[in-house]
N, C-alpha and C. Protein backbone atom coordinates (compact mmCIF):
# COMPACT_ATOMS: atom_id res chain seq x y z
N UNK A 1 20.32 -19.82 -3.44
CA UNK A 1 19.92 -19.17 -2.49
C UNK A 1 19.11 -19.79 -1.90
N UNK A 2 19.19 -19.87 -0.34
CA UNK A 2 18.03 -20.51 0.11
C UNK A 2 16.36 -20.37 0.30
N UNK A 3 15.12 -20.94 0.39
CA UNK A 3 13.99 -20.71 0.48
C UNK A 3 13.68 -19.15 1.26
N UNK A 4 14.05 -19.81 2.34
CA UNK A 4 13.65 -18.60 3.38
C UNK A 4 14.76 -17.63 3.74
N UNK A 5 15.88 -17.28 2.68
CA UNK A 5 16.20 -16.00 2.30
C UNK A 5 15.87 -15.74 1.66
N UNK A 6 15.42 -15.46 0.60
CA UNK A 6 15.05 -15.07 -0.75
C UNK A 6 13.40 -14.63 -0.13
N UNK A 7 12.72 -15.40 0.86
CA UNK A 7 11.50 -14.74 1.73
C UNK A 7 12.07 -13.60 2.11
N UNK A 8 12.79 -13.42 2.84
CA UNK A 8 13.28 -12.44 3.70
C UNK A 8 14.08 -11.30 2.67
N UNK A 9 14.42 -11.53 2.16
CA UNK A 9 15.19 -10.30 1.31
C UNK A 9 14.34 -10.02 0.11
N UNK A 10 13.46 -10.57 -0.71
CA UNK A 10 12.27 -10.12 -1.45
C UNK A 10 11.75 -9.07 -0.85
N UNK A 11 11.51 -9.23 0.24
CA UNK A 11 10.15 -8.10 0.75
C UNK A 11 11.27 -6.60 1.08
N UNK A 12 12.51 -6.85 1.55
CA UNK A 12 13.54 -5.97 1.68
C UNK A 12 13.85 -5.02 0.51
N UNK A 13 14.03 -5.90 -0.77
CA UNK A 13 14.03 -5.42 -2.09
C UNK A 13 13.28 -4.36 -2.11
N UNK A 14 11.96 -4.92 -2.09
CA UNK A 14 10.65 -3.98 -2.54
C UNK A 14 10.78 -2.61 -1.74
N UNK A 15 10.71 -2.76 -0.35
CA UNK A 15 11.09 -1.34 0.30
C UNK A 15 11.89 -0.62 0.30
N UNK A 16 13.02 -0.88 0.08
CA UNK A 16 14.78 -0.39 -0.89
C UNK A 16 13.61 -0.02 -2.34
N UNK A 17 13.29 -0.62 -3.30
CA UNK A 17 12.89 -0.26 -4.45
C UNK A 17 11.64 0.97 -3.99
N UNK A 18 10.89 1.02 -3.02
CA UNK A 18 9.80 1.66 -2.73
C UNK A 18 10.71 3.24 -2.37
N UNK A 19 11.80 3.35 -1.51
CA UNK A 19 12.55 4.50 -1.36
C UNK A 19 13.10 5.44 -2.36
N UNK A 20 13.18 4.69 -3.49
CA UNK A 20 14.00 4.76 -4.44
C UNK A 20 13.41 5.39 -5.68
N UNK A 21 12.36 4.57 -5.90
CA UNK A 21 11.00 5.16 -6.57
C UNK A 21 10.73 6.53 -6.45
N UNK A 22 10.53 6.52 -4.80
CA UNK A 22 10.33 8.16 -4.40
C UNK A 22 11.43 9.10 -4.75
N UNK A 23 11.83 8.85 -4.14
CA UNK A 23 13.14 9.78 -4.64
C UNK A 23 13.40 10.06 -6.09
N UNK A 24 13.15 8.92 -6.98
CA UNK A 24 13.21 9.61 -8.46
C UNK A 24 12.07 10.15 -8.68
N UNK A 25 10.94 10.15 -8.80
CA UNK A 25 9.58 10.75 -8.74
C UNK A 25 9.98 12.09 -8.06
N UNK A 26 10.19 12.47 -6.42
CA UNK A 26 10.65 13.09 -6.70
C UNK A 26 11.62 14.56 -7.75
N UNK A 27 12.65 13.80 -8.39
CA UNK A 27 13.46 13.90 -8.55
C UNK A 27 13.43 15.01 -10.07
N UNK A 28 12.58 13.99 -10.95
CA UNK A 28 12.43 14.26 -12.26
C UNK A 28 10.94 14.86 -12.64
N UNK A 29 9.63 14.38 -11.94
CA UNK A 29 8.32 14.67 -12.14
C UNK A 29 8.35 16.53 -11.62
N UNK A 30 7.04 16.87 -12.51
CA UNK A 30 7.06 18.52 -12.09
C UNK A 30 6.43 18.06 -10.98
N UNK A 31 5.95 19.46 -9.95
CA UNK A 31 5.87 19.23 -9.06
C UNK A 31 4.33 19.32 -8.75
N UNK A 32 3.36 19.42 -9.81
CA UNK A 32 2.05 19.16 -9.72
C UNK A 32 1.48 17.90 -10.44
N UNK A 33 2.52 16.63 -10.56
CA UNK A 33 2.28 15.58 -10.75
C UNK A 33 3.08 14.82 -9.49
N UNK A 34 4.27 15.67 -8.58
CA UNK A 34 4.71 14.69 -7.87
C UNK A 34 4.25 13.98 -6.59
N UNK A 35 2.74 14.74 -5.95
CA UNK A 35 2.17 14.57 -4.71
C UNK A 35 1.16 13.08 -5.33
N UNK A 36 0.62 12.75 -6.71
CA UNK A 36 -0.22 11.90 -6.61
C UNK A 36 0.41 10.85 -7.25
N UNK A 37 1.64 11.31 -8.00
CA UNK A 37 2.44 9.51 -8.15
C UNK A 37 3.12 9.19 -7.17
N UNK A 38 3.38 10.18 -6.45
CA UNK A 38 3.79 10.11 -5.19
C UNK A 38 3.10 9.05 -4.48
N UNK A 39 1.61 9.56 -4.03
CA UNK A 39 0.67 8.86 -3.22
C UNK A 39 0.50 7.44 -4.10
N UNK A 40 0.24 7.17 -5.32
CA UNK A 40 0.07 6.00 -6.14
C UNK A 40 0.97 4.85 -5.68
N UNK A 41 2.26 5.45 -5.93
CA UNK A 41 3.44 4.47 -6.08
C UNK A 41 3.98 4.14 -4.65
N UNK A 42 3.32 4.81 -3.48
CA UNK A 42 3.66 4.61 -2.57
C UNK A 42 2.56 3.12 -1.88
N UNK A 43 1.40 3.56 -2.22
CA UNK A 43 0.65 2.70 -2.03
C UNK A 43 0.75 1.31 -2.73
N UNK A 44 0.92 1.38 -4.31
CA UNK A 44 1.38 0.15 -4.84
C UNK A 44 2.36 -0.54 -4.31
N UNK A 45 3.44 0.04 -3.80
CA UNK A 45 4.77 -0.42 -3.27
C UNK A 45 4.71 -0.85 -1.95
N UNK A 46 3.70 -0.53 -1.18
CA UNK A 46 3.59 -0.68 -0.05
C UNK A 46 2.36 -2.05 -0.14
N UNK A 47 1.61 -2.51 -1.10
CA UNK A 47 0.96 -3.43 -1.53
C UNK A 47 1.61 -4.36 -1.88
N UNK A 48 2.83 -3.94 -2.81
CA UNK A 48 3.20 -5.18 -3.35
C UNK A 48 4.19 -5.82 -1.85
N UNK A 49 4.68 -5.07 -0.88
CA UNK A 49 5.70 -5.27 0.16
C UNK A 49 4.38 -6.78 0.87
N UNK A 50 3.34 -6.14 0.98
CA UNK A 50 2.64 -7.27 1.57
C UNK A 50 2.03 -8.54 0.99
N UNK A 51 2.26 -8.37 -0.06
CA UNK A 51 2.24 -9.53 -1.02
C UNK A 51 3.06 -10.42 -0.80
N UNK A 52 4.34 -9.72 -0.72
CA UNK A 52 5.75 -10.79 -1.02
C UNK A 52 5.61 -11.47 0.88
N UNK A 53 5.38 -10.79 1.61
CA UNK A 53 5.64 -11.41 2.75
C UNK A 53 4.28 -12.62 2.67
N UNK A 54 3.35 -12.73 2.21
CA UNK A 54 3.05 -13.75 2.13
C UNK A 54 3.28 -15.44 1.90
N UNK A 55 3.30 -16.91 2.57
CA UNK A 55 3.97 -17.76 2.29
C UNK A 55 3.48 -18.55 1.47
N UNK A 56 2.37 -18.43 1.27
CA UNK A 56 1.23 -19.35 0.34
C UNK A 56 1.86 -19.37 -0.79
N UNK A 57 2.25 -20.33 -1.30
CA UNK A 57 2.40 -20.45 -3.17
C UNK A 57 0.96 -20.39 -3.90
N UNK A 58 -0.18 -21.38 -3.31
CA UNK A 58 -1.62 -21.33 -3.58
C UNK A 58 -2.44 -20.14 -3.92
N UNK A 59 -2.69 -19.02 -4.38
CA UNK A 59 -3.05 -18.00 -4.42
C UNK A 59 -4.31 -18.22 -4.52
N UNK A 60 -5.49 -17.43 -3.46
CA UNK A 60 -6.78 -17.64 -3.27
C UNK A 60 -7.64 -16.93 -3.85
N UNK A 61 -8.91 -17.54 -4.45
CA UNK A 61 -9.46 -17.32 -5.69
C UNK A 61 -10.94 -16.72 -4.89
N UNK A 62 -10.92 -16.62 -4.14
CA UNK A 62 -12.22 -16.29 -3.23
C UNK A 62 -12.04 -14.50 -3.76
N UNK A 63 -13.57 -14.27 -4.28
CA UNK A 63 -13.65 -13.07 -4.90
C UNK A 63 -13.98 -11.52 -4.01
N UNK A 64 -14.51 -12.39 -2.54
CA UNK A 64 -15.33 -11.46 -1.71
C UNK A 64 -14.50 -10.56 -0.82
N UNK A 65 -13.13 -11.57 -0.68
CA UNK A 65 -11.94 -10.38 0.21
C UNK A 65 -11.35 -9.99 -0.60
N UNK A 66 -11.12 -10.16 -1.83
CA UNK A 66 -10.40 -9.47 -2.97
C UNK A 66 -11.41 -8.12 -3.11
N UNK A 67 -12.87 -8.35 -3.26
CA UNK A 67 -13.33 -7.19 -3.45
C UNK A 67 -13.43 -6.36 -2.10
N UNK A 68 -13.57 -6.86 -1.17
CA UNK A 68 -13.55 -5.78 0.30
C UNK A 68 -12.05 -4.67 0.29
N UNK A 69 -10.84 -6.08 0.19
CA UNK A 69 -9.23 -5.34 0.20
C UNK A 69 -9.54 -3.97 -1.30
N UNK A 70 -10.03 -4.31 -1.89
CA UNK A 70 -10.04 -3.33 -3.24
C UNK A 70 -11.00 -1.96 -2.90
N UNK A 71 -11.89 -2.26 -2.20
CA UNK A 71 -12.74 -0.82 -1.61
C UNK A 71 -12.20 -0.29 -0.39
N UNK A 72 -11.21 -1.04 0.48
CA UNK A 72 -10.64 -0.40 1.54
C UNK A 72 -9.11 0.35 1.04
N UNK A 73 -8.74 -0.15 -0.36
CA UNK A 73 -7.63 0.71 -0.76
C UNK A 73 -8.13 1.97 -1.86
N UNK A 74 -8.88 1.45 -2.40
CA UNK A 74 -9.53 2.62 -3.11
C UNK A 74 -10.14 4.07 -1.75
N UNK A 75 -10.49 3.24 -0.72
CA UNK A 75 -10.86 4.66 0.50
C UNK A 75 -9.23 5.31 0.83
N UNK A 76 -8.36 4.45 0.96
CA UNK A 76 -7.48 5.11 1.62
C UNK A 76 -6.34 5.68 0.65
N UNK A 77 -6.20 5.20 -0.65
CA UNK A 77 -6.29 6.23 -1.77
C UNK A 77 -7.22 6.94 -1.84
N UNK A 78 -7.91 6.53 -2.27
CA UNK A 78 -8.58 8.80 -3.02
C UNK A 78 -8.78 8.84 -1.35
N UNK A 79 -8.50 9.16 -0.16
CA UNK A 79 -8.61 10.11 0.74
C UNK A 79 -7.11 10.67 0.52
N UNK A 80 -6.23 10.17 0.43
CA UNK A 80 -4.88 10.83 0.05
C UNK A 80 -4.37 11.80 -1.24
N UNK A 81 -5.22 11.19 -2.38
CA UNK A 81 -4.78 12.10 -3.72
C UNK A 81 -6.30 13.65 -3.31
N UNK A 82 -7.16 13.32 -2.18
CA UNK A 82 -8.15 14.46 -2.10
C UNK A 82 -9.54 14.22 -3.40
N UNK A 83 -9.38 12.82 -3.41
CA UNK A 83 -10.57 12.36 -4.18
C UNK A 83 -11.70 12.23 -3.30
N UNK A 84 -11.78 12.30 -1.76
CA UNK A 84 -12.75 11.26 -0.93
C UNK A 84 -13.10 12.01 0.01
N UNK A 85 -13.72 12.75 -0.08
CA UNK A 85 -13.80 14.10 1.19
C UNK A 85 -15.58 13.44 2.00
N UNK A 86 -15.50 12.72 3.38
CA UNK A 86 -16.21 12.79 4.20
C UNK A 86 -15.77 12.94 5.46
N UNK A 87 -16.22 14.32 6.05
CA UNK A 87 -15.59 15.10 7.07
C UNK A 87 -15.94 14.45 8.19
N UNK A 88 -17.30 13.51 8.43
CA UNK A 88 -17.62 13.72 9.63
C UNK A 88 -16.72 12.20 10.08
N UNK A 89 -16.65 11.31 8.45
CA UNK A 89 -16.24 10.06 8.80
C UNK A 89 -14.68 9.92 9.14
N UNK A 90 -13.60 11.16 8.35
CA UNK A 90 -12.48 11.05 8.97
C UNK A 90 -12.44 11.56 9.72
N UNK A 91 -13.09 12.72 10.92
CA UNK A 91 -12.99 13.01 11.84
C UNK A 91 -12.68 12.09 12.82
N UNK A 92 -13.77 10.52 13.02
CA UNK A 92 -13.83 9.95 13.64
C UNK A 92 -12.98 8.99 13.45
N UNK A 93 -12.31 8.74 12.50
CA UNK A 93 -10.88 8.02 11.94
C UNK A 93 -9.77 8.95 12.80
N UNK A 94 -9.60 9.79 12.32
CA UNK A 94 -8.94 10.86 12.82
C UNK A 94 -8.65 10.54 14.69
N UNK A 95 -9.70 10.71 15.15
CA UNK A 95 -10.24 10.89 16.52
C UNK A 95 -10.16 9.32 17.20
N UNK A 96 -9.80 8.30 16.50
CA UNK A 96 -9.35 6.74 16.61
C UNK A 96 -7.85 6.79 16.92
N UNK A 97 -7.35 7.94 15.73
CA UNK A 97 -6.02 7.44 15.76
C UNK A 97 -5.46 6.94 14.74
N UNK A 98 -5.82 6.94 13.79
CA UNK A 98 -5.67 5.86 12.66
C UNK A 98 -4.98 7.51 11.88
N UNK A 99 -3.78 7.58 11.90
CA UNK A 99 -2.81 8.46 11.01
C UNK A 99 -2.34 7.66 9.66
N UNK A 100 -1.63 8.26 9.39
CA UNK A 100 -0.82 8.09 7.88
C UNK A 100 -0.05 6.55 8.34
N UNK A 101 0.56 6.49 9.15
CA UNK A 101 1.44 5.10 9.62
C UNK A 101 0.18 3.83 9.97
N UNK A 102 -0.78 4.60 10.09
CA UNK A 102 -1.21 3.22 10.73
C UNK A 102 -2.17 2.98 8.92
N UNK A 103 -2.51 3.87 8.25
CA UNK A 103 -3.35 3.97 7.06
C UNK A 103 -1.83 2.82 5.96
N UNK A 104 -0.39 2.88 6.45
CA UNK A 104 0.29 2.73 5.43
C UNK A 104 0.42 1.11 6.03
N UNK A 105 0.48 0.66 6.95
CA UNK A 105 0.07 -0.69 7.83
C UNK A 105 -1.50 -1.64 7.67
N UNK A 106 -2.10 -0.97 7.45
CA UNK A 106 -3.21 -1.27 6.46
C UNK A 106 -3.17 -1.62 5.24
N UNK A 107 -2.41 -0.88 4.44
CA UNK A 107 -1.84 -0.77 2.56
C UNK A 107 -1.13 -2.31 2.98
N UNK A 108 -0.36 -2.71 4.12
CA UNK A 108 0.46 -3.71 3.46
C UNK A 108 -0.47 -4.94 4.19
N UNK A 109 -1.19 -5.23 5.18
CA UNK A 109 -2.09 -5.49 5.40
C UNK A 109 -3.00 -6.51 3.97
N UNK A 110 -3.64 -5.52 3.73
CA UNK A 110 -4.39 -5.42 2.26
C UNK A 110 -3.80 -6.52 1.32
N UNK A 111 -2.20 -6.10 1.12
CA UNK A 111 -1.53 -7.16 0.18
C UNK A 111 -1.01 -8.07 0.76
N UNK A 112 -1.22 -8.62 2.01
CA UNK A 112 -0.61 -9.99 2.36
C UNK A 112 -2.31 -10.74 2.56
N UNK A 113 -3.29 -10.11 2.61
CA UNK A 113 -4.20 -10.93 2.76
C UNK A 113 -4.90 -10.79 1.27
N UNK A 114 -4.63 -10.41 0.60
CA UNK A 114 -5.14 -10.26 -0.85
C UNK A 114 -5.12 -11.48 -1.44
N UNK A 115 -3.85 -12.13 -1.54
CA UNK A 115 -3.49 -13.28 -1.68
C UNK A 115 -3.47 -14.90 -1.13
N UNK A 116 -3.82 -14.04 0.38
CA UNK A 116 -3.53 -15.52 1.50
C UNK A 116 -4.78 -16.06 1.30
């Protein structure tokens, strides 16, 4: 297969794996584990999707950008799991219109920029 097609097909396969993994989690896991596992699986697979969007073969070795991306991911996943409760901060975030769709886009962007 041409390199261009594999670059386009691999992210699509990651998205399909995301959907399949979430369906499997819903089907086989007890309800008390479904939500946390679903949140972590969604974040991990969206991050991987973003990683596969990058076109550079050489990975960046800069540590500050990776630390910042890790911190952003920790905040988003921690909020979704209910571990982080800053009501004033999240109220302003919601007022800005940053909902779960925007958070998913930020996770994909974090995956893309992590190795860029």
